[in-house]
Amino acid sequence: MVLNNPVDLTYHAQKNIDLSYLALAKDCGSLAVPLNGSVIGLDTTFPNEIAFRCDDGFNMAGSRIRKCLSTGIWSGNQTSCTGNSYPFH
């Protein structure tokens, strides 16, 4: 069970209901969509995850999957999609 509303917490505390098993939803905030790539997933709250993919012909750098941690911070590293560089003749 996840409680986002402080009123819910006050009610449960007044009734001496054990809240130790509950977790407050932490929002990690939005992540940038990489140029030449896309994201899969929309929910930015703990314990959800966002996946990334790069368009054809582009290589991924950074984390393919980022998880929203209970601390409200995203796991992993910023994702980017870089193209193959070919010398011009």
C-alpha atoms as a PDB file:
ATOM      1  CA  MET A   1       0.000   0.000   0.000  1.00  0.00           C
ATOM      2  CA  VAL A   2       1.301   3.455  -0.912  1.00  0.00           C
ATOM      3  CA  LEU A   3       0.094   6.606   0.788  1.00  0.00           C
ATOM      4  CA  ASN A   4       0.643   9.949  -0.895  1.00  0.00           C
ATOM      5  CA  ASN A   5      -1.757  11.980   1.190  1.00  0.00           C
ATOM      6  CA  PRO A   6      -0.632  13.417   4.572  1.00  0.00           C
ATOM      7  CA  VAL A   7      -4.248  13.206   5.768  1.00  0.00           C
ATOM      8  CA  ASP A   8      -4.134   9.418   5.337  1.00  0.00           C
ATOM      9  CA  LEU A   9      -0.989   9.255   7.468  1.00  0.00           C
ATOM     10  CA  THR A  10      -2.545  11.418  10.197  1.00  0.00           C
ATOM     11  CA  TYR A  11      -5.659   9.253  10.301  1.00  0.00           C
ATOM     12  CA  HIS A  12      -3.647   6.037  10.603  1.00  0.00           C
ATOM     13  CA  ALA A  13      -1.369   7.531  13.252  1.00  0.00           C
ATOM     14  CA  GLN A  14      -4.365   8.669  15.331  1.00  0.00           C
ATOM     15  CA  LYS A  15      -5.828   5.163  15.172  1.00  0.00           C
ATOM     16  CA  ASN A  16      -2.464   3.622  16.222  1.00  0.00           C
ATOM     17  CA  ILE A  17      -2.321   1.603  13.016  1.00  0.00           C
ATOM     18  CA  ASP A  18       1.104   0.166  12.270  1.00  0.00           C
ATOM     19  CA  LEU A  19       2.527   2.047   9.285  1.00  0.00           C
ATOM     20  CA  SER A  20       5.930   0.368   9.204  1.00  0.00           C
ATOM     21  CA  TYR A  21       5.039  -1.664   6.109  1.00  0.00           C
ATOM     22  CA  LEU A  22       3.946   1.385   4.112  1.00  0.00           C
ATOM     23  CA  ALA A  23       6.096   3.392   1.734  1.00  0.00           C
ATOM     24  CA  LEU A  24       5.527   6.940   0.585  1.00  0.00           C
ATOM     25  CA  ALA A  25       5.681   7.223  -3.182  1.00  0.00           C
ATOM     26  CA  LYS A  26       8.905   8.970  -4.204  1.00  0.00           C
ATOM     27  CA  ASP A  27       8.927  10.769  -7.534  1.00  0.00           C
ATOM     28  CA  CYS A  28      12.318  10.762  -9.240  1.00  0.00           C
ATOM     29  CA  GLY A  29      11.259  13.367 -11.794  1.00  0.00           C
ATOM     30  CA  SER A  30      11.396  13.182 -15.553  1.00  0.00           C
ATOM     31  CA  LEU A  31      14.390  11.980 -17.560  1.00  0.00           C
ATOM     32  CA  ALA A  32      15.551  13.529 -20.811  1.00  0.00           C
ATOM     33  CA  VAL A  33      14.668  11.664 -23.990  1.00  0.00           C
ATOM     34  CA  PRO A  34      17.951  11.112 -25.829  1.00  0.00           C
ATOM     35  CA  LEU A  35      18.362  12.788 -29.204  1.00  0.00           C
ATOM     36  CA  ASN A  36      17.955  10.052 -31.863  1.00  0.00           C
ATOM     37  CA  GLY A  37      16.309   7.788 -29.296  1.00  0.00           C
ATOM     38  CA  SER A  38      13.137   7.146 -27.311  1.00  0.00           C
ATOM     39  CA  VAL A  39      11.921   6.128 -23.860  1.00  0.00           C
ATOM     40  CA  ILE A  40       9.707   3.231 -22.859  1.00  0.00           C
ATOM     41  CA  GLY A  41       7.688   3.872 -19.713  1.00  0.00           C
ATOM     42  CA  LEU A  42       6.122   6.941 -18.192  1.00  0.00           C
ATOM     43  CA  ASP A  43       5.880   6.382 -14.438  1.00  0.00           C
ATOM     44  CA  THR A  44       8.617   8.280 -12.589  1.00  0.00           C
ATOM     45  CA  THR A  45       7.786   7.069  -9.073  1.00  0.00           C
ATOM     46  CA  PHE A  46       9.457   4.379  -6.953  1.00  0.00           C
ATOM     47  CA  PRO A  47       9.796   1.439  -7.770  1.00  0.00           C
ATOM     48  CA  ASN A  48       9.210   1.930 -11.499  1.00  0.00           C
ATOM     49  CA  GLU A  49      11.758   1.941 -14.296  1.00  0.00           C
ATOM     50  CA  ILE A  50      12.256   3.691 -17.618  1.00  0.00           C
ATOM     51  CA  ALA A  51      13.967   1.984 -20.574  1.00  0.00           C
ATOM     52  CA  PHE A  52      15.724   3.667 -23.468  1.00  0.00           C
ATOM     53  CA  ARG A  53      16.358   2.672 -27.064  1.00  0.00           C
ATOM     54  CA  CYS A  54      18.278   4.298 -29.860  1.00  0.00           C
ATOM     55  CA  ASP A  55      17.129   4.775 -33.431  1.00  0.00           C
ATOM     56  CA  ASP A  56      18.615   2.521 -36.115  1.00  0.00           C
ATOM     57  CA  GLY A  57      22.220   3.442 -36.841  1.00  0.00           C
ATOM     58  CA  PHE A  58      22.841   4.970 -33.407  1.00  0.00           C
ATOM     59  CA  ASN A  59      24.740   3.480 -30.466  1.00  0.00           C
ATOM     60  CA  MET A  60      23.694   3.798 -26.852  1.00  0.00           C
ATOM     61  CA  ALA A  61      25.940   5.300 -24.196  1.00  0.00           C
ATOM     62  CA  GLY A  62      24.872   5.299 -20.559  1.00  0.00           C
ATOM     63  CA  SER A  63      22.214   3.150 -18.941  1.00  0.00           C
ATOM     64  CA  ARG A  64      19.643   1.214 -20.986  1.00  0.00           C
ATOM     65  CA  ILE A  65      17.331   0.976 -17.950  1.00  0.00           C
ATOM     66  CA  ARG A  66      17.015   3.497 -15.106  1.00  0.00           C
ATOM     67  CA  LYS A  67      15.125   2.619 -11.914  1.00  0.00           C
ATOM     68  CA  CYS A  68      13.490   5.106  -9.589  1.00  0.00           C
ATOM     69  CA  LEU A  69      14.989   4.342  -6.187  1.00  0.00           C
ATOM     70  CA  SER A  70      13.278   4.703  -2.806  1.00  0.00           C
ATOM     71  CA  THR A  71      15.501   7.739  -2.197  1.00  0.00           C
ATOM     72  CA  GLY A  72      13.861   9.620  -5.102  1.00  0.00           C
ATOM     73  CA  ILE A  73      17.002   9.367  -7.263  1.00  0.00           C
ATOM     74  CA  TRP A  74      17.354   7.576 -10.614  1.00  0.00           C
ATOM     75  CA  SER A  75      19.794   4.673 -10.809  1.00  0.00           C
ATOM     76  CA  GLY A  76      22.403   4.496 -13.547  1.00  0.00           C
ATOM     77  CA  ASN A  77      23.823   7.147 -15.844  1.00  0.00           C
ATOM     78  CA  GLN A  78      22.342   9.589 -18.337  1.00  0.00           C
ATOM     79  CA  THR A  79      21.558   7.908 -21.644  1.00  0.00           C
ATOM     80  CA  SER A  80      22.579   9.223 -25.056  1.00  0.00           C
ATOM     81  CA  CYS A  81      22.479   7.909 -28.617  1.00  0.00           C
ATOM     82  CA  THR A  82      25.472   8.622 -30.804  1.00  0.00           C
ATOM     83  CA  GLY A  83      25.774   8.012 -34.523  1.00  0.00           C
ATOM     84  CA  ASN A  84      28.509   6.149 -36.295  1.00  0.00           C
ATOM     85  CA  SER A  85      31.102   8.534 -37.648  1.00  0.00           C
ATOM     86  CA  TYR A  86      32.345   7.855 -41.136  1.00  0.00           C
ATOM     87  CA  PRO A  87      35.186   9.828 -42.784  1.00  0.00           C
ATOM     88  CA  PHE A  88      34.148  11.852 -45.784  1.00  0.00           C
ATOM     89  CA  HIS A  89      36.070  11.352 -49.038  1.00  0.00           C
END
